[in-house]
């Protein structure tokens, strides 16, 4: 909706009627989008160390799931 307001192909009143929302809300969203738009769409490259740690953890989880439990020694009852 903010992008529609930025395009200015329709007035705020027309957009408000079409989206069934108060024109002031559209104006607020438009202003916020203009001031923070680059922040919203910026992407950060994944942290390589975090990716390595995550991969190692998933591998460890996989080994834990596949490894059968070790036998438990149960002492014989004393009669």
PDB file of N, CA and C in Angstrom:
ATOM      1  N   UNK A   1       0.817  -1.168   0.000  1.00  0.00           N
ATOM      2  CA  UNK A   1       0.000   0.000   0.000  1.00  0.00           C
ATOM      3  C   UNK A   1       0.876   1.252   0.000  1.00  0.00           C
ATOM      4  N   UNK A   2       1.966   1.230   0.745  1.00  0.00           N
ATOM      5  CA  UNK A   2       2.874   2.371   0.772  1.00  0.00           C
ATOM      6  C   UNK A   2       3.440   2.620  -0.619  1.00  0.00           C
ATOM      7  N   UNK A   3       3.740   1.554  -1.326  1.00  0.00           N
ATOM      8  CA  UNK A   3       4.278   1.698  -2.686  1.00  0.00           C
ATOM      9  C   UNK A   3       3.239   2.325  -3.610  1.00  0.00           C
ATOM     10  N   UNK A   4       1.996   1.911  -3.447  1.00  0.00           N
ATOM     11  CA  UNK A   4       0.911   2.520  -4.236  1.00  0.00           C
ATOM     12  C   UNK A   4       0.836   4.018  -3.956  1.00  0.00           C
ATOM     13  N   UNK A   5       0.992   4.409  -2.699  1.00  0.00           N
ATOM     14  CA  UNK A   5       0.946   5.823  -2.330  1.00  0.00           C
ATOM     15  C   UNK A   5       2.129   6.571  -2.921  1.00  0.00           C
ATOM     16  N   UNK A   6       3.294   5.924  -2.949  1.00  0.00           N
ATOM     17  CA  UNK A   6       4.489   6.555  -3.510  1.00  0.00           C
ATOM     18  C   UNK A   6       4.334   6.772  -5.010  1.00  0.00           C
ATOM     19  N   UNK A   7       3.695   5.836  -5.687  1.00  0.00           N
ATOM     20  CA  UNK A   7       3.474   5.963  -7.129  1.00  0.00           C
ATOM     21  C   UNK A   7       2.655   7.194  -7.472  1.00  0.00           C
ATOM     22  N   UNK A   8       1.774   7.589  -6.548  1.00  0.00           N
ATOM     23  CA  UNK A   8       0.898   8.753  -6.715  1.00  0.00           C
ATOM     24  C   UNK A   8       0.030   8.677  -7.957  1.00  0.00           C
ATOM     25  N   UNK A   9      -0.375   7.465  -8.328  1.00  0.00           N
ATOM     26  CA  UNK A   9      -1.308   7.294  -9.440  1.00  0.00           C
ATOM     27  C   UNK A   9      -2.743   7.489  -8.970  1.00  0.00           C
ATOM     28  N   UNK A  10      -2.943   7.393  -7.641  1.00  0.00           N
ATOM     29  CA  UNK A  10      -4.241   7.628  -7.027  1.00  0.00           C
ATOM     30  C   UNK A  10      -4.031   8.554  -5.833  1.00  0.00           C
ATOM     31  N   UNK A  11      -5.054   9.313  -5.483  1.00  0.00           N
ATOM     32  CA  UNK A  11      -4.956  10.171  -4.311  1.00  0.00           C
ATOM     33  C   UNK A  11      -5.028   9.313  -3.053  1.00  0.00           C
ATOM     34  N   UNK A  12      -4.638   9.905  -1.922  1.00  0.00           N
ATOM     35  CA  UNK A  12      -4.738   9.189  -0.659  1.00  0.00           C
ATOM     36  C   UNK A  12      -6.180   8.794  -0.371  1.00  0.00           C
ATOM     37  N   UNK A  13      -7.114   9.679  -0.725  1.00  0.00           N
ATOM     38  CA  UNK A  13      -8.533   9.376  -0.511  1.00  0.00           C
ATOM     39  C   UNK A  13      -8.971   8.167  -1.336  1.00  0.00           C
ATOM     40  N   UNK A  14      -8.508   8.106  -2.581  1.00  0.00           N
ATOM     41  CA  UNK A  14      -8.862   6.968  -3.438  1.00  0.00           C
ATOM     42  C   UNK A  14      -8.264   5.670  -2.897  1.00  0.00           C
ATOM     43  N   UNK A  15      -7.002   5.735  -2.481  1.00  0.00           N
ATOM     44  CA  UNK A  15      -6.358   4.551  -1.907  1.00  0.00           C
ATOM     45  C   UNK A  15      -7.053   4.123  -0.617  1.00  0.00           C
ATOM     46  N   UNK A  16      -7.415   5.105   0.214  1.00  0.00           N
ATOM     47  CA  UNK A  16      -8.091   4.810   1.474  1.00  0.00           C
ATOM     48  C   UNK A  16      -9.416   4.109   1.219  1.00  0.00           C
ATOM     49  N   UNK A  17     -10.128   4.578   0.222  1.00  0.00           N
ATOM     50  CA  UNK A  17     -11.412   3.955  -0.106  1.00  0.00           C
ATOM     51  C   UNK A  17     -11.199   2.545  -0.649  1.00  0.00           C
ATOM     52  N   UNK A  18     -10.218   2.389  -1.519  1.00  0.00           N
ATOM     53  CA  UNK A  18      -9.963   1.083  -2.129  1.00  0.00           C
ATOM     54  C   UNK A  18      -9.505   0.058  -1.100  1.00  0.00           C
ATOM     55  N   UNK A  19      -8.639   0.463  -0.179  1.00  0.00           N
ATOM     56  CA  UNK A  19      -8.106  -0.469   0.821  1.00  0.00           C
ATOM     57  C   UNK A  19      -8.878  -0.432   2.144  1.00  0.00           C
ATOM     58  N   UNK A  20      -9.901   0.408   2.185  1.00  0.00           N
ATOM     59  CA  UNK A  20     -10.750   0.537   3.370  1.00  0.00           C
ATOM     60  C   UNK A  20      -9.942   0.847   4.622  1.00  0.00           C
ATOM     61  N   UNK A  21      -9.160   1.910   4.546  1.00  0.00           N
ATOM     62  CA  UNK A  21      -8.314   2.333   5.660  1.00  0.00           C
ATOM     63  C   UNK A  21      -8.268   3.861   5.663  1.00  0.00           C
ATOM     64  N   UNK A  22      -7.986   4.443   6.798  1.00  0.00           N
ATOM     65  CA  UNK A  22      -7.957   5.900   6.931  1.00  0.00           C
ATOM     66  C   UNK A  22      -6.781   6.479   6.131  1.00  0.00           C
ATOM     67  N   UNK A  23      -7.001   7.579   5.434  1.00  0.00           N
ATOM     68  CA  UNK A  23      -5.921   8.190   4.634  1.00  0.00           C
ATOM     69  C   UNK A  23      -4.672   8.530   5.458  1.00  0.00           C
ATOM     70  N   UNK A  24      -4.864   8.912   6.725  1.00  0.00           N
ATOM     71  CA  UNK A  24      -3.712   9.257   7.564  1.00  0.00           C
ATOM     72  C   UNK A  24      -2.787   8.057   7.759  1.00  0.00           C
ATOM     73  N   UNK A  25      -3.365   6.860   7.871  1.00  0.00           N
ATOM     74  CA  UNK A  25      -2.535   5.655   8.010  1.00  0.00           C
ATOM     75  C   UNK A  25      -1.674   5.458   6.762  1.00  0.00           C
ATOM     76  N   UNK A  26      -2.275   5.635   5.608  1.00  0.00           N
ATOM     77  CA  UNK A  26      -1.524   5.486   4.351  1.00  0.00           C
ATOM     78  C   UNK A  26      -0.403   6.510   4.304  1.00  0.00           C
ATOM     79  N   UNK A  27      -0.704   7.725   4.701  1.00  0.00           N
ATOM     80  CA  UNK A  27       0.300   8.786   4.717  1.00  0.00           C
ATOM     81  C   UNK A  27       1.442   8.437   5.668  1.00  0.00           C
ATOM     82  N   UNK A  28       1.097   7.914   6.844  1.00  0.00           N
ATOM     83  CA  UNK A  28       2.132   7.514   7.813  1.00  0.00           C
ATOM     84  C   UNK A  28       3.001   6.393   7.253  1.00  0.00           C
ATOM     85  N   UNK A  29       2.373   5.400   6.653  1.00  0.00           N
ATOM     86  CA  UNK A  29       3.124   4.270   6.084  1.00  0.00           C
ATOM     87  C   UNK A  29       4.019   4.724   4.939  1.00  0.00           C
ATOM     88  N   UNK A  30       3.504   5.621   4.124  1.00  0.00           N
ATOM     89  CA  UNK A  30       4.285   6.152   2.998  1.00  0.00           C
ATOM     90  C   UNK A  30       5.527   6.871   3.530  1.00  0.00           C
ATOM     91  N   UNK A  31       5.330   7.730   4.525  1.00  0.00           N
ATOM     92  CA  UNK A  31       6.448   8.489   5.101  1.00  0.00           C
ATOM     93  C   UNK A  31       7.482   7.537   5.721  1.00  0.00           C
ATOM     94  N   UNK A  32       7.010   6.532   6.446  1.00  0.00           N
ATOM     95  CA  UNK A  32       7.936   5.577   7.061  1.00  0.00           C
ATOM     96  C   UNK A  32       8.671   4.761   6.003  1.00  0.00           C
ATOM     97  N   UNK A  33       7.957   4.368   4.963  1.00  0.00           N
ATOM     98  CA  UNK A  33       8.589   3.594   3.900  1.00  0.00           C
ATOM     99  C   UNK A  33       9.673   4.409   3.207  1.00  0.00           C
ATOM    100  N   UNK A  34       9.394   5.671   2.963  1.00  0.00           N
ATOM    101  CA  UNK A  34      10.384   6.532   2.307  1.00  0.00           C
ATOM    102  C   UNK A  34      11.611   6.704   3.197  1.00  0.00           C
ATOM    103  N   UNK A  35      11.404   6.860   4.485  1.00  0.00           N
ATOM    104  CA  UNK A  35      12.540   7.088   5.382  1.00  0.00           C
ATOM    105  C   UNK A  35      13.306   5.803   5.711  1.00  0.00           C
ATOM    106  N   UNK A  36      12.625   4.642   5.683  1.00  0.00           N
ATOM    107  CA  UNK A  36      13.279   3.396   6.085  1.00  0.00           C
ATOM    108  C   UNK A  36      13.277   2.323   5.000  1.00  0.00           C
ATOM    109  N   UNK A  37      12.922   2.670   3.782  1.00  0.00           N
ATOM    110  CA  UNK A  37      12.806   1.682   2.710  1.00  0.00           C
ATOM    111  C   UNK A  37      14.077   0.902   2.456  1.00  0.00           C
ATOM    112  N   UNK A  38      15.196   1.580   2.426  1.00  0.00           N
ATOM    113  CA  UNK A  38      16.457   0.870   2.158  1.00  0.00           C
ATOM    114  C   UNK A  38      16.782  -0.099   3.288  1.00  0.00           C
ATOM    115  N   UNK A  39      16.442   0.274   4.506  1.00  0.00           N
ATOM    116  CA  UNK A  39      16.661  -0.594   5.664  1.00  0.00           C
ATOM    117  C   UNK A  39      15.791  -1.845   5.568  1.00  0.00           C
ATOM    118  N   UNK A  40      14.580  -1.671   5.089  1.00  0.00           N
ATOM    119  CA  UNK A  40      13.638  -2.785   4.986  1.00  0.00           C
ATOM    120  C   UNK A  40      14.105  -3.810   3.954  1.00  0.00           C
ATOM    121  N   UNK A  41      14.633  -3.322   2.824  1.00  0.00           N
ATOM    122  CA  UNK A  41      14.992  -4.228   1.736  1.00  0.00           C
ATOM    123  C   UNK A  41      16.461  -4.610   1.700  1.00  0.00           C
ATOM    124  N   UNK A  42      17.263  -4.102   2.634  1.00  0.00           N
ATOM    125  CA  UNK A  42      18.680  -4.465   2.625  1.00  0.00           C
ATOM    126  C   UNK A  42      18.817  -5.918   3.061  1.00  0.00           C
ATOM    127  N   UNK A  43      19.756  -6.596   2.436  1.00  0.00           N
ATOM    128  CA  UNK A  43      20.010  -7.985   2.803  1.00  0.00           C
ATOM    129  C   UNK A  43      21.446  -8.093   3.272  1.00  0.00           C
ATOM    130  N   UNK A  44      21.641  -8.912   4.250  1.00  0.00           N
ATOM    131  CA  UNK A  44      22.985  -9.128   4.765  1.00  0.00           C
ATOM    132  C   UNK A  44      23.453 -10.504   4.327  1.00  0.00           C
ATOM    133  N   UNK A  45      24.722 -10.573   3.973  1.00  0.00           N
ATOM    134  CA  UNK A  45      25.301 -11.862   3.609  1.00  0.00           C
ATOM    135  C   UNK A  45      25.345 -12.734   4.860  1.00  0.00           C
ATOM    136  N   UNK A  46      25.111 -14.019   4.692  1.00  0.00           N
ATOM    137  CA  UNK A  46      25.154 -14.889   5.872  1.00  0.00           C
ATOM    138  C   UNK A  46      26.549 -14.925   6.473  1.00  0.00           C
ATOM    139  N   UNK A  47      26.619 -14.976   7.776  1.00  0.00           N
ATOM    140  CA  UNK A  47      27.873 -15.066   8.512  1.00  0.00           C
ATOM    141  C   UNK A  47      28.459 -16.456   8.258  1.00  0.00           C
ATOM    142  N   UNK A  48      29.624 -16.511   7.616  1.00  0.00           N
ATOM    143  CA  UNK A  48      30.214 -17.802   7.240  1.00  0.00           C
ATOM    144  C   UNK A  48      30.501 -18.682   8.458  1.00  0.00           C
ATOM    145  N   UNK A  49      30.960 -18.080   9.543  1.00  0.00           N
ATOM    146  CA  UNK A  49      31.242 -18.864  10.752  1.00  0.00           C
ATOM    147  C   UNK A  49      29.953 -19.444  11.322  1.00  0.00           C
ATOM    148  N   UNK A  50      28.887 -18.663  11.319  1.00  0.00           N
ATOM    149  CA  UNK A  50      27.597 -19.150  11.827  1.00  0.00           C
ATOM    150  C   UNK A  50      27.086 -20.293  10.958  1.00  0.00           C
ATOM    151  N   UNK A  51      27.277 -20.183   9.652  1.00  0.00           N
ATOM    152  CA  UNK A  51      26.844 -21.239   8.741  1.00  0.00           C
ATOM    153  C   UNK A  51      27.623 -22.528   9.036  1.00  0.00           C
ATOM    154  N   UNK A  52      28.938 -22.403   9.261  1.00  0.00           N
ATOM    155  CA  UNK A  52      29.768 -23.576   9.575  1.00  0.00           C
ATOM    156  C   UNK A  52      29.325 -24.223  10.886  1.00  0.00           C
ATOM    157  N   UNK A  53      29.066 -23.388  11.918  1.00  0.00           N
ATOM    158  CA  UNK A  53      28.622 -23.923  13.214  1.00  0.00           C
ATOM    159  C   UNK A  53      27.280 -24.625  13.083  1.00  0.00           C
ATOM    160  N   UNK A  54      26.383 -24.022  12.325  1.00  0.00           N
ATOM    161  CA  UNK A  54      25.062 -24.627  12.132  1.00  0.00           C
ATOM    162  C   UNK A  54      25.189 -25.976  11.423  1.00  0.00           C
ATOM    163  N   UNK A  55      26.031 -26.032  10.392  1.00  0.00           N
ATOM    164  CA  UNK A  55      26.225 -27.281   9.660  1.00  0.00           C
ATOM    165  C   UNK A  55      26.794 -28.360  10.587  1.00  0.00           C
ATOM    166  N   UNK A  56      27.778 -27.983  11.411  1.00  0.00           N
ATOM    167  CA  UNK A  56      28.385 -28.941  12.345  1.00  0.00           C
ATOM    168  C   UNK A  56      27.351 -29.450  13.350  1.00  0.00           C
ATOM    169  N   UNK A  57      26.489 -28.558  13.823  1.00  0.00           N
ATOM    170  CA  UNK A  57      25.457 -28.978  14.775  1.00  0.00           C
ATOM    171  C   UNK A  57      24.470 -29.938  14.136  1.00  0.00           C
ATOM    172  N   UNK A  58      24.057 -29.658  12.910  1.00  0.00           N
ATOM    173  CA  UNK A  58      23.133 -30.571  12.224  1.00  0.00           C
ATOM    174  C   UNK A  58      23.775 -31.935  11.983  1.00  0.00           C
ATOM    175  N   UNK A  59      25.063 -31.944  11.660  1.00  0.00           N
ATOM    176  CA  UNK A  59      25.763 -33.219  11.476  1.00  0.00           C
ATOM    177  C   UNK A  59      25.804 -33.994  12.791  1.00  0.00           C
ATOM    178  N   UNK A  60      26.067 -33.295  13.889  1.00  0.00           N
ATOM    179  CA  UNK A  60      26.112 -33.947  15.198  1.00  0.00           C
ATOM    180  C   UNK A  60      24.733 -34.491  15.567  1.00  0.00           C
ATOM    181  N   UNK A  61      23.702 -33.719  15.309  1.00  0.00           N
ATOM    182  CA  UNK A  61      22.336 -34.176  15.581  1.00  0.00           C
ATOM    183  C   UNK A  61      22.037 -35.427  14.761  1.00  0.00           C
ATOM    184  N   UNK A  62      22.451 -35.428  13.506  1.00  0.00           N
ATOM    185  CA  UNK A  62      22.243 -36.591  12.655  1.00  0.00           C
ATOM    186  C   UNK A  62      22.922 -37.828  13.198  1.00  0.00           C
ATOM    187  N   UNK A  63      24.155 -37.658  13.697  1.00  0.00           N
ATOM    188  CA  UNK A  63      24.873 -38.799  14.274  1.00  0.00           C
ATOM    189  C   UNK A  63      24.182 -39.277  15.541  1.00  0.00           C
ATOM    190  N   UNK A  64      23.704 -38.359  16.352  1.00  0.00           N
ATOM    191  CA  UNK A  64      23.022 -38.741  17.591  1.00  0.00           C
ATOM    192  C   UNK A  64      21.734 -39.502  17.297  1.00  0.00           C
ATOM    193  N   UNK A  65      21.038 -39.116  16.237  1.00  0.00           N
ATOM    194  CA  UNK A  65      19.788 -39.789  15.885  1.00  0.00           C
ATOM    195  C   UNK A  65      20.037 -41.185  15.351  1.00  0.00           C
ATOM    196  N   UNK A  66      21.176 -41.393  14.678  1.00  0.00           N
ATOM    197  CA  UNK A  66      21.466 -42.673  14.050  1.00  0.00           C
ATOM    198  C   UNK A  66      22.162 -43.632  15.008  1.00  0.00           C
ATOM    199  N   UNK A  67      22.923 -43.128  15.954  1.00  0.00           N
ATOM    200  CA  UNK A  67      23.677 -43.966  16.880  1.00  0.00           C
ATOM    201  C   UNK A  67      22.731 -44.671  17.847  1.00  0.00           C
ATOM    202  N   UNK A  68      22.797 -46.009  17.894  1.00  0.00           N
ATOM    203  CA  UNK A  68      21.918 -46.724  18.835  1.00  0.00           C
ATOM    204  C   UNK A  68      22.374 -46.471  20.264  1.00  0.00           C
ATOM    205  N   UNK A  69      21.454 -46.533  21.192  1.00  0.00           N
ATOM    206  CA  UNK A  69      21.849 -46.306  22.584  1.00  0.00           C
ATOM    207  C   UNK A  69      22.759 -47.426  23.066  1.00  0.00           C
ATOM    208  N   UNK A  70      23.698 -47.101  23.949  1.00  0.00           N
ATOM    209  CA  UNK A  70      24.596 -48.130  24.477  1.00  0.00           C
ATOM    210  C   UNK A  70      23.820 -48.999  25.461  1.00  0.00           C
ATOM    211  N   UNK A  71      24.184 -50.293  25.495  1.00  0.00           N
ATOM    212  CA  UNK A  71      23.463 -51.197  26.398  1.00  0.00           C
ATOM    213  C   UNK A  71      23.686 -50.799  27.841  1.00  0.00           C
ATOM    214  N   UNK A  72      22.669 -50.974  28.616  1.00  0.00           N
ATOM    215  CA  UNK A  72      22.732 -50.652  30.031  1.00  0.00           C
ATOM    216  C   UNK A  72      22.950 -51.936  30.807  1.00  0.00           C
ATOM    217  N   UNK A  73      23.932 -51.929  31.667  1.00  0.00           N
ATOM    218  CA  UNK A  73      24.224 -53.114  32.490  1.00  0.00           C
ATOM    219  C   UNK A  73      23.264 -53.128  33.675  1.00  0.00           C
ATOM    220  N   UNK A  74      22.492 -54.205  33.752  1.00  0.00           N
ATOM    221  CA  UNK A  74      21.554 -54.371  34.855  1.00  0.00           C
ATOM    222  C   UNK A  74      22.094 -55.491  35.731  1.00  0.00           C
ATOM    223  N   UNK A  75      22.419 -55.209  36.989  1.00  0.00           N
ATOM    224  CA  UNK A  75      22.970 -56.258  37.853  1.00  0.00           C
ATOM    225  C   UNK A  75      21.943 -57.370  38.092  1.00  0.00           C
ATOM    226  N   UNK A  76      22.459 -58.572  38.227  1.00  0.00           N
ATOM    227  CA  UNK A  76      21.595 -59.725  38.480  1.00  0.00           C
ATOM    228  C   UNK A  76      21.026 -59.619  39.885  1.00  0.00           C
ATOM    229  N   UNK A  77      19.798 -60.066  40.076  1.00  0.00           N
ATOM    230  CA  UNK A  77      19.187 -59.987  41.414  1.00  0.00           C
ATOM    231  C   UNK A  77      19.897 -60.962  42.367  1.00  0.00           C
ATOM    232  N   UNK A  78      20.038 -60.574  43.605  1.00  0.00           N
ATOM    233  CA  UNK A  78      20.670 -61.398  44.625  1.00  0.00           C
ATOM    234  C   UNK A  78      19.604 -62.226  45.335  1.00  0.00           C
ATOM    235  N   UNK A  79      19.735 -63.534  45.305  1.00  0.00           N
ATOM    236  CA  UNK A  79      18.768 -64.426  45.966  1.00  0.00           C
ATOM    237  C   UNK A  79      19.331 -65.037  47.201  1.00  0.00           C
TER     238      UNK A  79
END
